Amino acid sequence: ICDAVAVAKILNATLVIPYLEVNPVWKDS
């Protein structure tokens, strides 16, 4: 179960981080 949670967090990080970097709103703040 812990491994599944870790994998889910890694997948979320790989998807969310690039989105935050591309989103200009986060660059302004």
C-alpha atoms as a PDB file:
ATOM      1  CA  ILE A   1       0.000   0.000   0.000  1.00  0.00           C
ATOM      2  CA  CYS A   2       2.807   2.413   0.884  1.00  0.00           C
ATOM      3  CA  ASP A   3       4.495   1.684  -2.446  1.00  0.00           C
ATOM      4  CA  ALA A   4       1.274   2.478  -4.307  1.00  0.00           C
ATOM      5  CA  VAL A   5       1.000   5.808  -2.504  1.00  0.00           C
ATOM      6  CA  ALA A   6       4.611   6.636  -3.321  1.00  0.00           C
ATOM      7  CA  VAL A   7       4.076   5.813  -6.990  1.00  0.00           C
ATOM      8  CA  ALA A   8       0.931   7.949  -7.059  1.00  0.00           C
ATOM      9  CA  LYS A   9       2.807  10.898  -5.555  1.00  0.00           C
ATOM     10  CA  ILE A  10       5.623  10.486  -8.098  1.00  0.00           C
ATOM     11  CA  LEU A  11       3.146  10.378 -10.979  1.00  0.00           C
ATOM     12  CA  ASN A  12       1.370  13.460  -9.631  1.00  0.00           C
ATOM     13  CA  ALA A  13       4.692  15.280  -9.278  1.00  0.00           C
ATOM     14  CA  THR A  14       5.740  14.467 -12.850  1.00  0.00           C
ATOM     15  CA  LEU A  15       2.390  15.749 -14.134  1.00  0.00           C
ATOM     16  CA  VAL A  16       1.907  18.763 -11.859  1.00  0.00           C
ATOM     17  CA  ILE A  17       5.434  20.230 -11.779  1.00  0.00           C
ATOM     18  CA  PRO A  18       5.684  20.772 -15.576  1.00  0.00           C
ATOM     19  CA  TYR A  19       2.188  22.305 -15.517  1.00  0.00           C
ATOM     20  CA  LEU A  20       3.199  24.735 -12.775  1.00  0.00           C
ATOM     21  CA  GLU A  21       6.388  25.661 -14.647  1.00  0.00           C
ATOM     22  CA  VAL A  22       4.471  26.351 -17.865  1.00  0.00           C
ATOM     23  CA  ASN A  23       1.640  28.230 -16.146  1.00  0.00           C
ATOM     24  CA  PRO A  24       2.500  31.980 -16.285  1.00  0.00           C
ATOM     25  CA  VAL A  25       0.395  32.680 -13.186  1.00  0.00           C
ATOM     26  CA  TRP A  26       2.933  30.932 -10.959  1.00  0.00           C
ATOM     27  CA  LYS A  27       5.825  32.833 -12.557  1.00  0.00           C
ATOM     28  CA  ASP A  28       4.210  36.170 -11.645  1.00  0.00           C
ATOM     29  CA  SER A  29       3.903  35.179  -7.993  1.00  0.00           C
END
